[in-house]
Amino acid sequence: MKTKYNFIGDNTISEYVTVKAENRTIMRKICERVEKNRTKLLHEGMRPVHIWVPDTRREGFVEECRRQSALLNNDPHEMGIMKFLNEAADREGWTA
């Protein structure tokens, strides 16, 4: 990794190196904290899962949701699925 020296304003190379060292120390502390929490969760019987989900902030996302929903409107297969889900759902204790 090449070292990049930025001499902006009154910054000196020693200040730059100090900041880099402090950042490494902070990152090390964060990594240690994350690893400690990860180990604790693993011992509790949990396992990490990494998933990718659609970015709801992306331009056009809402329009695409509406487009796909419109395609399912009055679709006989979708009506059957919704009927099954409504019958199978356990709503005891749930409120709207």
PDB file of N, CA and C in Angstrom:
ATOM      1  N   MET A   1       0.840  -1.179   0.000  1.00  0.00           N
ATOM      2  CA  MET A   1       0.000   0.000   0.000  1.00  0.00           C
ATOM      3  C   MET A   1       0.883   1.240   0.000  1.00  0.00           C
ATOM      4  N   LYS A   2       0.645   2.126  -0.932  1.00  0.00           N
ATOM      5  CA  LYS A   2       1.416   3.349  -1.006  1.00  0.00           C
ATOM      6  C   LYS A   2       0.921   4.343   0.033  1.00  0.00           C
ATOM      7  N   THR A   3       1.863   5.053   0.614  1.00  0.00           N
ATOM      8  CA  THR A   3       1.502   6.100   1.559  1.00  0.00           C
ATOM      9  C   THR A   3       1.274   7.385   0.789  1.00  0.00           C
ATOM     10  N   LYS A   4       0.152   8.015   1.072  1.00  0.00           N
ATOM     11  CA  LYS A   4      -0.180   9.265   0.390  1.00  0.00           C
ATOM     12  C   LYS A   4       0.024  10.406   1.391  1.00  0.00           C
ATOM     13  N   TYR A   5       0.806  11.373   1.013  1.00  0.00           N
ATOM     14  CA  TYR A   5       1.082  12.502   1.886  1.00  0.00           C
ATOM     15  C   TYR A   5       0.281  13.702   1.417  1.00  0.00           C
ATOM     16  N   ASN A   6      -0.516  14.225   2.299  1.00  0.00           N
ATOM     17  CA  ASN A   6      -1.297  15.428   2.005  1.00  0.00           C
ATOM     18  C   ASN A   6      -0.770  16.572   2.862  1.00  0.00           C
ATOM     19  N   PHE A   7      -0.254  17.588   2.232  1.00  0.00           N
ATOM     20  CA  PHE A   7       0.228  18.756   2.955  1.00  0.00           C
ATOM     21  C   PHE A   7      -0.711  19.908   2.664  1.00  0.00           C
ATOM     22  N   ILE A   8      -1.812  19.939   3.384  1.00  0.00           N
ATOM     23  CA  ILE A   8      -2.813  20.982   3.189  1.00  0.00           C
ATOM     24  C   ILE A   8      -2.748  21.909   4.383  1.00  0.00           C
ATOM     25  N   GLY A   9      -2.657  23.179   4.109  1.00  0.00           N
ATOM     26  CA  GLY A   9      -2.579  24.152   5.193  1.00  0.00           C
ATOM     27  C   GLY A   9      -1.307  23.972   5.990  1.00  0.00           C
ATOM     28  N   ASP A  10      -1.430  23.919   7.318  1.00  0.00           N
ATOM     29  CA  ASP A  10      -0.267  23.802   8.194  1.00  0.00           C
ATOM     30  C   ASP A  10      -0.008  22.358   8.627  1.00  0.00           C
ATOM     31  N   ASN A  11      -0.708  21.382   8.028  1.00  0.00           N
ATOM     32  CA  ASN A  11      -0.505  19.986   8.421  1.00  0.00           C
ATOM     33  C   ASN A  11       0.912  19.537   8.087  1.00  0.00           C
ATOM     34  N   THR A  12       1.488  18.795   9.018  1.00  0.00           N
ATOM     35  CA  THR A  12       2.830  18.246   8.786  1.00  0.00           C
ATOM     36  C   THR A  12       2.703  16.745   8.608  1.00  0.00           C
ATOM     37  N   ILE A  13       3.777  16.136   8.168  1.00  0.00           N
ATOM     38  CA  ILE A  13       3.749  14.685   7.965  1.00  0.00           C
ATOM     39  C   ILE A  13       3.545  13.955   9.288  1.00  0.00           C
ATOM     40  N   SER A  14       4.070  14.480  10.391  1.00  0.00           N
ATOM     41  CA  SER A  14       3.892  13.817  11.684  1.00  0.00           C
ATOM     42  C   SER A  14       2.431  13.859  12.117  1.00  0.00           C
ATOM     43  N   GLU A  15       1.727  14.958  11.816  1.00  0.00           N
ATOM     44  CA  GLU A  15       0.298  15.027  12.134  1.00  0.00           C
ATOM     45  C   GLU A  15      -0.468  14.013  11.301  1.00  0.00           C
ATOM     46  N   TYR A  16      -0.084  13.881  10.029  1.00  0.00           N
ATOM     47  CA  TYR A  16      -0.744  12.925   9.136  1.00  0.00           C
ATOM     48  C   TYR A  16      -0.548  11.500   9.644  1.00  0.00           C
ATOM     49  N   VAL A  17       0.662  11.168  10.038  1.00  0.00           N
ATOM     50  CA  VAL A  17       0.958   9.820  10.547  1.00  0.00           C
ATOM     51  C   VAL A  17       0.214   9.581  11.857  1.00  0.00           C
ATOM     52  N   THR A  18       0.128  10.594  12.712  1.00  0.00           N
ATOM     53  CA  THR A  18      -0.597  10.461  13.976  1.00  0.00           C
ATOM     54  C   THR A  18      -2.064  10.156  13.724  1.00  0.00           C
ATOM     55  N   VAL A  19      -2.685  10.862  12.781  1.00  0.00           N
ATOM     56  CA  VAL A  19      -4.093  10.625  12.454  1.00  0.00           C
ATOM     57  C   VAL A  19      -4.273   9.211  11.938  1.00  0.00           C
ATOM     58  N   LYS A  20      -3.379   8.744  11.052  1.00  0.00           N
ATOM     59  CA  LYS A  20      -3.463   7.388  10.525  1.00  0.00           C
ATOM     60  C   LYS A  20      -3.360   6.368  11.669  1.00  0.00           C
ATOM     61  N   ALA A  21      -2.461   6.583  12.623  1.00  0.00           N
ATOM     62  CA  ALA A  21      -2.290   5.667  13.749  1.00  0.00           C
ATOM     63  C   ALA A  21      -3.526   5.677  14.634  1.00  0.00           C
ATOM     64  N   GLU A  22      -4.097   6.853  14.879  1.00  0.00           N
ATOM     65  CA  GLU A  22      -5.311   6.939  15.695  1.00  0.00           C
ATOM     66  C   GLU A  22      -6.468   6.219  15.013  1.00  0.00           C
ATOM     67  N   ASN A  23      -6.583   6.360  13.695  1.00  0.00           N
ATOM     68  CA  ASN A  23      -7.642   5.673  12.957  1.00  0.00           C
ATOM     69  C   ASN A  23      -7.484   4.164  13.065  1.00  0.00           C
ATOM     70  N   ARG A  24      -6.245   3.668  12.987  1.00  0.00           N
ATOM     71  CA  ARG A  24      -6.010   2.226  13.139  1.00  0.00           C
ATOM     72  C   ARG A  24      -6.397   1.771  14.541  1.00  0.00           C
ATOM     73  N   THR A  25      -6.093   2.562  15.542  1.00  0.00           N
ATOM     74  CA  THR A  25      -6.443   2.215  16.922  1.00  0.00           C
ATOM     75  C   THR A  25      -7.953   2.166  17.087  1.00  0.00           C
ATOM     76  N   ILE A  26      -8.652   3.135  16.536  1.00  0.00           N
ATOM     77  CA  ILE A  26     -10.119   3.166  16.615  1.00  0.00           C
ATOM     78  C   ILE A  26     -10.698   1.964  15.900  1.00  0.00           C
ATOM     79  N   MET A  27     -10.201   1.673  14.690  1.00  0.00           N
ATOM     80  CA  MET A  27     -10.702   0.522  13.931  1.00  0.00           C
ATOM     81  C   MET A  27     -10.433  -0.783  14.682  1.00  0.00           C
ATOM     82  N   ARG A  28      -9.276  -0.889  15.312  1.00  0.00           N
ATOM     83  CA  ARG A  28      -8.946  -2.099  16.074  1.00  0.00           C
ATOM     84  C   ARG A  28      -9.944  -2.276  17.221  1.00  0.00           C
ATOM     85  N   LYS A  29     -10.272  -1.193  17.913  1.00  0.00           N
ATOM     86  CA  LYS A  29     -11.226  -1.270  19.021  1.00  0.00           C
ATOM     87  C   LYS A  29     -12.608  -1.682  18.513  1.00  0.00           C
ATOM     88  N   ILE A  30     -13.021  -1.130  17.378  1.00  0.00           N
ATOM     89  CA  ILE A  30     -14.318  -1.485  16.807  1.00  0.00           C
ATOM     90  C   ILE A  30     -14.331  -2.955  16.425  1.00  0.00           C
ATOM     91  N   CYS A  31     -13.269  -3.413  15.764  1.00  0.00           N
ATOM     92  CA  CYS A  31     -13.187  -4.815  15.349  1.00  0.00           C
ATOM     93  C   CYS A  31     -13.218  -5.754  16.556  1.00  0.00           C
ATOM     94  N   GLU A  32     -12.522  -5.377  17.622  1.00  0.00           N
ATOM     95  CA  GLU A  32     -12.525  -6.202  18.833  1.00  0.00           C
ATOM     96  C   GLU A  32     -13.926  -6.275  19.434  1.00  0.00           C
ATOM     97  N   ARG A  33     -14.629  -5.149  19.473  1.00  0.00           N
ATOM     98  CA  ARG A  33     -15.985  -5.112  20.014  1.00  0.00           C
ATOM     99  C   ARG A  33     -16.935  -5.965  19.163  1.00  0.00           C
ATOM    100  N   VAL A  34     -16.816  -5.855  17.859  1.00  0.00           N
ATOM    101  CA  VAL A  34     -17.670  -6.634  16.954  1.00  0.00           C
ATOM    102  C   VAL A  34     -17.384  -8.125  17.123  1.00  0.00           C
ATOM    103  N   GLU A  35     -16.110  -8.488  17.189  1.00  0.00           N
ATOM    104  CA  GLU A  35     -15.733  -9.905  17.352  1.00  0.00           C
ATOM    105  C   GLU A  35     -16.225 -10.455  18.692  1.00  0.00           C
ATOM    106  N   LYS A  36     -16.150  -9.654  19.746  1.00  0.00           N
ATOM    107  CA  LYS A  36     -16.633 -10.084  21.056  1.00  0.00           C
ATOM    108  C   LYS A  36     -18.142 -10.359  20.990  1.00  0.00           C
ATOM    109  N   ASN A  37     -18.885  -9.453  20.371  1.00  0.00           N
ATOM    110  CA  ASN A  37     -20.334  -9.628  20.250  1.00  0.00           C
ATOM    111  C   ASN A  37     -20.656 -10.829  19.372  1.00  0.00           C
ATOM    112  N   ARG A  38     -19.918 -11.009  18.291  1.00  0.00           N
ATOM    113  CA  ARG A  38     -20.128 -12.142  17.382  1.00  0.00           C
ATOM    114  C   ARG A  38     -19.892 -13.467  18.109  1.00  0.00           C
ATOM    115  N   THR A  39     -18.822 -13.543  18.878  1.00  0.00           N
ATOM    116  CA  THR A  39     -18.509 -14.758  19.638  1.00  0.00           C
ATOM    117  C   THR A  39     -19.611 -15.059  20.651  1.00  0.00           C
ATOM    118  N   LYS A  40     -20.097 -14.033  21.319  1.00  0.00           N
ATOM    119  CA  LYS A  40     -21.178 -14.193  22.304  1.00  0.00           C
ATOM    120  C   LYS A  40     -22.423 -14.765  21.626  1.00  0.00           C
ATOM    121  N   LEU A  41     -22.796 -14.199  20.495  1.00  0.00           N
ATOM    122  CA  LEU A  41     -23.980 -14.674  19.780  1.00  0.00           C
ATOM    123  C   LEU A  41     -23.806 -16.110  19.286  1.00  0.00           C
ATOM    124  N   LEU A  42     -22.612 -16.446  18.800  1.00  0.00           N
ATOM    125  CA  LEU A  42     -22.353 -17.817  18.364  1.00  0.00           C
ATOM    126  C   LEU A  42     -22.508 -18.795  19.524  1.00  0.00           C
ATOM    127  N   HIS A  43     -22.019 -18.423  20.712  1.00  0.00           N
ATOM    128  CA  HIS A  43     -22.143 -19.274  21.898  1.00  0.00           C
ATOM    129  C   HIS A  43     -23.597 -19.413  22.349  1.00  0.00           C
ATOM    130  N   GLU A  44     -24.429 -18.426  22.003  1.00  0.00           N
ATOM    131  CA  GLU A  44     -25.851 -18.481  22.346  1.00  0.00           C
ATOM    132  C   GLU A  44     -26.657 -19.262  21.317  1.00  0.00           C
ATOM    133  N   GLY A  45     -25.964 -19.854  20.337  1.00  0.00           N
ATOM    134  CA  GLY A  45     -26.643 -20.662  19.344  1.00  0.00           C
ATOM    135  C   GLY A  45     -27.121 -19.901  18.126  1.00  0.00           C
ATOM    136  N   MET A  46     -26.691 -18.671  17.977  1.00  0.00           N
ATOM    137  CA  MET A  46     -27.074 -17.869  16.823  1.00  0.00           C
ATOM    138  C   MET A  46     -26.042 -18.067  15.717  1.00  0.00           C
ATOM    139  N   ARG A  47     -26.439 -17.781  14.487  1.00  0.00           N
ATOM    140  CA  ARG A  47     -25.486 -17.817  13.380  1.00  0.00           C
ATOM    141  C   ARG A  47     -25.730 -16.614  12.489  1.00  0.00           C
ATOM    142  N   PRO A  48     -24.661 -16.091  11.909  1.00  0.00           N
ATOM    143  CA  PRO A  48     -24.822 -14.913  11.057  1.00  0.00           C
ATOM    144  C   PRO A  48     -25.408 -15.307   9.696  1.00  0.00           C
ATOM    145  N   VAL A  49     -26.261 -14.436   9.169  1.00  0.00           N
ATOM    146  CA  VAL A  49     -26.847 -14.631   7.850  1.00  0.00           C
ATOM    147  C   VAL A  49     -26.692 -13.325   7.085  1.00  0.00           C
ATOM    148  N   HIS A  50     -26.184 -13.425   5.883  1.00  0.00           N
ATOM    149  CA  HIS A  50     -25.982 -12.247   5.041  1.00  0.00           C
ATOM    150  C   HIS A  50     -26.957 -12.349   3.876  1.00  0.00           C
ATOM    151  N   ILE A  51     -27.825 -11.358   3.744  1.00  0.00           N
ATOM    152  CA  ILE A  51     -28.788 -11.386   2.648  1.00  0.00           C
ATOM    153  C   ILE A  51     -28.748 -10.064   1.886  1.00  0.00           C
ATOM    154  N   TRP A  52     -29.142 -10.137   0.643  1.00  0.00           N
ATOM    155  CA  TRP A  52     -29.267  -8.947  -0.189  1.00  0.00           C
ATOM    156  C   TRP A  52     -30.744  -8.684  -0.400  1.00  0.00           C
ATOM    157  N   VAL A  53     -31.142  -7.453  -0.211  1.00  0.00           N
ATOM    158  CA  VAL A  53     -32.541  -7.067  -0.390  1.00  0.00           C
ATOM    159  C   VAL A  53     -32.608  -5.886  -1.357  1.00  0.00           C
ATOM    160  N   PRO A  54     -33.753  -5.692  -2.002  1.00  0.00           N
ATOM    161  CA  PRO A  54     -33.870  -4.544  -2.902  1.00  0.00           C
ATOM    162  C   PRO A  54     -33.649  -3.227  -2.164  1.00  0.00           C
ATOM    163  N   ASP A  55     -33.011  -2.298  -2.841  1.00  0.00           N
ATOM    164  CA  ASP A  55     -32.771  -0.975  -2.270  1.00  0.00           C
ATOM    165  C   ASP A  55     -34.025  -0.133  -2.475  1.00  0.00           C
ATOM    166  N   THR A  56     -34.783   0.044  -1.411  1.00  0.00           N
ATOM    167  CA  THR A  56     -36.050   0.774  -1.500  1.00  0.00           C
ATOM    168  C   THR A  56     -35.851   2.262  -1.751  1.00  0.00           C
ATOM    169  N   ARG A  57     -34.614   2.733  -1.628  1.00  0.00           N
ATOM    170  CA  ARG A  57     -34.328   4.157  -1.870  1.00  0.00           C
ATOM    171  C   ARG A  57     -34.007   4.427  -3.333  1.00  0.00           C
ATOM    172  N   ARG A  58     -33.797   3.361  -4.101  1.00  0.00           N
ATOM    173  CA  ARG A  58     -33.404   3.499  -5.502  1.00  0.00           C
ATOM    174  C   ARG A  58     -34.495   4.182  -6.318  1.00  0.00           C
ATOM    175  N   GLU A  59     -34.066   5.030  -7.225  1.00  0.00           N
ATOM    176  CA  GLU A  59     -35.009   5.710  -8.104  1.00  0.00           C
ATOM    177  C   GLU A  59     -35.785   4.665  -8.913  1.00  0.00           C
ATOM    178  N   GLY A  60     -37.094   4.820  -8.960  1.00  0.00           N
ATOM    179  CA  GLY A  60     -37.943   3.914  -9.731  1.00  0.00           C
ATOM    180  C   GLY A  60     -38.463   2.721  -8.955  1.00  0.00           C
ATOM    181  N   PHE A  61     -38.006   2.565  -7.703  1.00  0.00           N
ATOM    182  CA  PHE A  61     -38.429   1.400  -6.913  1.00  0.00           C
ATOM    183  C   PHE A  61     -39.945   1.396  -6.686  1.00  0.00           C
ATOM    184  N   VAL A  62     -40.490   2.516  -6.260  1.00  0.00           N
ATOM    185  CA  VAL A  62     -41.926   2.610  -5.964  1.00  0.00           C
ATOM    186  C   VAL A  62     -42.745   2.335  -7.215  1.00  0.00           C
ATOM    187  N   GLU A  63     -42.317   2.904  -8.323  1.00  0.00           N
ATOM    188  CA  GLU A  63     -43.044   2.700  -9.579  1.00  0.00           C
ATOM    189  C   GLU A  63     -43.036   1.227  -9.983  1.00  0.00           C
ATOM    190  N   GLU A  64     -41.888   0.542  -9.789  1.00  0.00           N
ATOM    191  CA  GLU A  64     -41.798  -0.879 -10.132  1.00  0.00           C
ATOM    192  C   GLU A  64     -42.693  -1.720  -9.221  1.00  0.00           C
ATOM    193  N   CYS A  65     -42.781  -1.356  -7.946  1.00  0.00           N
ATOM    194  CA  CYS A  65     -43.689  -2.059  -7.026  1.00  0.00           C
ATOM    195  C   CYS A  65     -45.136  -1.905  -7.494  1.00  0.00           C
ATOM    196  N   ARG A  66     -45.483  -0.704  -7.862  1.00  0.00           N
ATOM    197  CA  ARG A  66     -46.847  -0.455  -8.345  1.00  0.00           C
ATOM    198  C   ARG A  66     -47.125  -1.233  -9.632  1.00  0.00           C
ATOM    199  N   ARG A  67     -46.149  -1.274 -10.528  1.00  0.00           N
ATOM    200  CA  ARG A  67     -46.313  -1.982 -11.794  1.00  0.00           C
ATOM    201  C   ARG A  67     -46.553  -3.481 -11.545  1.00  0.00           C
ATOM    202  N   GLN A  68     -45.725  -4.067 -10.666  1.00  0.00           N
ATOM    203  CA  GLN A  68     -45.869  -5.490 -10.387  1.00  0.00           C
ATOM    204  C   GLN A  68     -47.177  -5.787  -9.657  1.00  0.00           C
ATOM    205  N   SER A  69     -47.572  -4.911  -8.755  1.00  0.00           N
ATOM    206  CA  SER A  69     -48.849  -5.094  -8.047  1.00  0.00           C
ATOM    207  C   SER A  69     -50.017  -5.038  -9.011  1.00  0.00           C
ATOM    208  N   ALA A  70     -49.959  -4.120  -9.964  1.00  0.00           N
ATOM    209  CA  ALA A  70     -51.037  -3.993 -10.955  1.00  0.00           C
ATOM    210  C   ALA A  70     -51.145  -5.255 -11.808  1.00  0.00           C
ATOM    211  N   LEU A  71     -50.013  -5.890 -12.098  1.00  0.00           N
ATOM    212  CA  LEU A  71     -50.040  -7.128 -12.879  1.00  0.00           C
ATOM    213  C   LEU A  71     -50.779  -8.252 -12.142  1.00  0.00           C
ATOM    214  N   LEU A  72     -50.739  -8.224 -10.819  1.00  0.00           N
ATOM    215  CA  LEU A  72     -51.376  -9.273 -10.016  1.00  0.00           C
ATOM    216  C   LEU A  72     -52.833  -8.979  -9.697  1.00  0.00           C
ATOM    217  N   ASN A  73     -53.273  -7.772  -9.958  1.00  0.00           N
ATOM    218  CA  ASN A  73     -54.652  -7.392  -9.669  1.00  0.00           C
ATOM    219  C   ASN A  73     -55.609  -8.277 -10.470  1.00  0.00           C
ATOM    220  N   ASN A  74     -56.525  -8.930  -9.765  1.00  0.00           N
ATOM    221  CA  ASN A  74     -57.512  -9.837 -10.351  1.00  0.00           C
ATOM    222  C   ASN A  74     -56.910 -11.087 -10.993  1.00  0.00           C
ATOM    223  N   ASP A  75     -55.657 -11.405 -10.691  1.00  0.00           N
ATOM    224  CA  ASP A  75     -55.040 -12.631 -11.198  1.00  0.00           C
ATOM    225  C   ASP A  75     -55.575 -13.815 -10.393  1.00  0.00           C
ATOM    226  N   PRO A  76     -56.123 -14.854 -11.044  1.00  0.00           N
ATOM    227  CA  PRO A  76     -56.720 -15.971 -10.318  1.00  0.00           C
ATOM    228  C   PRO A  76     -55.728 -16.711  -9.401  1.00  0.00           C
ATOM    229  N   HIS A  77     -54.494 -16.851  -9.844  1.00  0.00           N
ATOM    230  CA  HIS A  77     -53.491 -17.527  -9.004  1.00  0.00           C
ATOM    231  C   HIS A  77     -53.188 -16.711  -7.753  1.00  0.00           C
ATOM    232  N   GLU A  78     -53.076 -15.414  -7.928  1.00  0.00           N
ATOM    233  CA  GLU A  78     -52.806 -14.538  -6.785  1.00  0.00           C
ATOM    234  C   GLU A  78     -53.980 -14.551  -5.812  1.00  0.00           C
ATOM    235  N   MET A  79     -55.197 -14.566  -6.332  1.00  0.00           N
ATOM    236  CA  MET A  79     -56.381 -14.617  -5.460  1.00  0.00           C
ATOM    237  C   MET A  79     -56.377 -15.911  -4.647  1.00  0.00           C
ATOM    238  N   GLY A  80     -55.983 -17.015  -5.259  1.00  0.00           N
ATOM    239  CA  GLY A  80     -55.900 -18.292  -4.552  1.00  0.00           C
ATOM    240  C   GLY A  80     -54.842 -18.276  -3.460  1.00  0.00           C
ATOM    241  N   ILE A  81     -53.708 -17.674  -3.767  1.00  0.00           N
ATOM    242  CA  ILE A  81     -52.632 -17.571  -2.777  1.00  0.00           C
ATOM    243  C   ILE A  81     -53.072 -16.705  -1.607  1.00  0.00           C
ATOM    244  N   MET A  82     -53.707 -15.579  -1.903  1.00  0.00           N
ATOM    245  CA  MET A  82     -54.170 -14.692  -0.835  1.00  0.00           C
ATOM    246  C   MET A  82     -55.242 -15.369   0.018  1.00  0.00           C
ATOM    247  N   LYS A  83     -56.124 -16.135  -0.607  1.00  0.00           N
ATOM    248  CA  LYS A  83     -57.150 -16.875   0.132  1.00  0.00           C
ATOM    249  C   LYS A  83     -56.487 -17.865   1.086  1.00  0.00           C
ATOM    250  N   PHE A  84     -55.494 -18.619   0.572  1.00  0.00           N
ATOM    251  CA  PHE A  84     -54.774 -19.577   1.406  1.00  0.00           C
ATOM    252  C   PHE A  84     -54.083 -18.885   2.580  1.00  0.00           C
ATOM    253  N   LEU A  85     -53.390 -17.777   2.309  1.00  0.00           N
ATOM    254  CA  LEU A  85     -52.684 -17.058   3.374  1.00  0.00           C
ATOM    255  C   LEU A  85     -53.652 -16.539   4.430  1.00  0.00           C
ATOM    256  N   ASN A  86     -54.792 -16.023   4.002  1.00  0.00           N
ATOM    257  CA  ASN A  86     -55.784 -15.522   4.958  1.00  0.00           C
ATOM    258  C   ASN A  86     -56.338 -16.641   5.829  1.00  0.00           C
ATOM    259  N   GLU A  87     -56.535 -17.824   5.241  1.00  0.00           N
ATOM    260  CA  GLU A  87     -57.052 -18.959   6.010  1.00  0.00           C
ATOM    261  C   GLU A  87     -55.985 -19.530   6.943  1.00  0.00           C
ATOM    262  N   ALA A  88     -54.735 -19.529   6.506  1.00  0.00           N
ATOM    263  CA  ALA A  88     -53.656 -20.127   7.283  1.00  0.00           C
ATOM    264  C   ALA A  88     -53.109 -19.198   8.371  1.00  0.00           C
ATOM    265  N   ALA A  89     -53.365 -17.912   8.236  1.00  0.00           N
ATOM    266  CA  ALA A  89     -52.789 -16.940   9.161  1.00  0.00           C
ATOM    267  C   ALA A  89     -53.353 -17.106  10.564  1.00  0.00           C
ATOM    268  N   ASP A  90     -52.455 -17.062  11.525  1.00  0.00           N
ATOM    269  CA  ASP A  90     -52.844 -17.094  12.940  1.00  0.00           C
ATOM    270  C   ASP A  90     -52.804 -15.658  13.436  1.00  0.00           C
ATOM    271  N   ARG A  91     -53.960 -15.056  13.586  1.00  0.00           N
ATOM    272  CA  ARG A  91     -54.004 -13.640  13.976  1.00  0.00           C
ATOM    273  C   ARG A  91     -54.388 -13.444  15.437  1.00  0.00           C
ATOM    274  N   GLU A  92     -54.437 -14.513  16.186  1.00  0.00           N
ATOM    275  CA  GLU A  92     -54.829 -14.423  17.582  1.00  0.00           C
ATOM    276  C   GLU A  92     -53.880 -13.490  18.333  1.00  0.00           C
ATOM    277  N   GLY A  93     -54.436 -12.489  18.980  1.00  0.00           N
ATOM    278  CA  GLY A  93     -53.663 -11.552  19.770  1.00  0.00           C
ATOM    279  C   GLY A  93     -53.099 -10.384  18.976  1.00  0.00           C
ATOM    280  N   TRP A  94     -53.299 -10.391  17.646  1.00  0.00           N
ATOM    281  CA  TRP A  94     -52.804  -9.293  16.813  1.00  0.00           C
ATOM    282  C   TRP A  94     -53.882  -8.223  16.688  1.00  0.00           C
ATOM    283  N   THR A  95     -53.436  -6.988  16.648  1.00  0.00           N
ATOM    284  CA  THR A  95     -54.375  -5.886  16.425  1.00  0.00           C
ATOM    285  C   THR A  95     -53.859  -5.039  15.259  1.00  0.00           C
ATOM    286  N   ALA A  96     -54.788  -4.414  14.580  1.00  0.00           N
ATOM    287  CA  ALA A  96     -54.405  -3.580  13.426  1.00  0.00           C
ATOM    288  C   ALA A  96     -53.933  -2.227  13.867  1.00  0.00           C
TER     289      ALA A  96
END
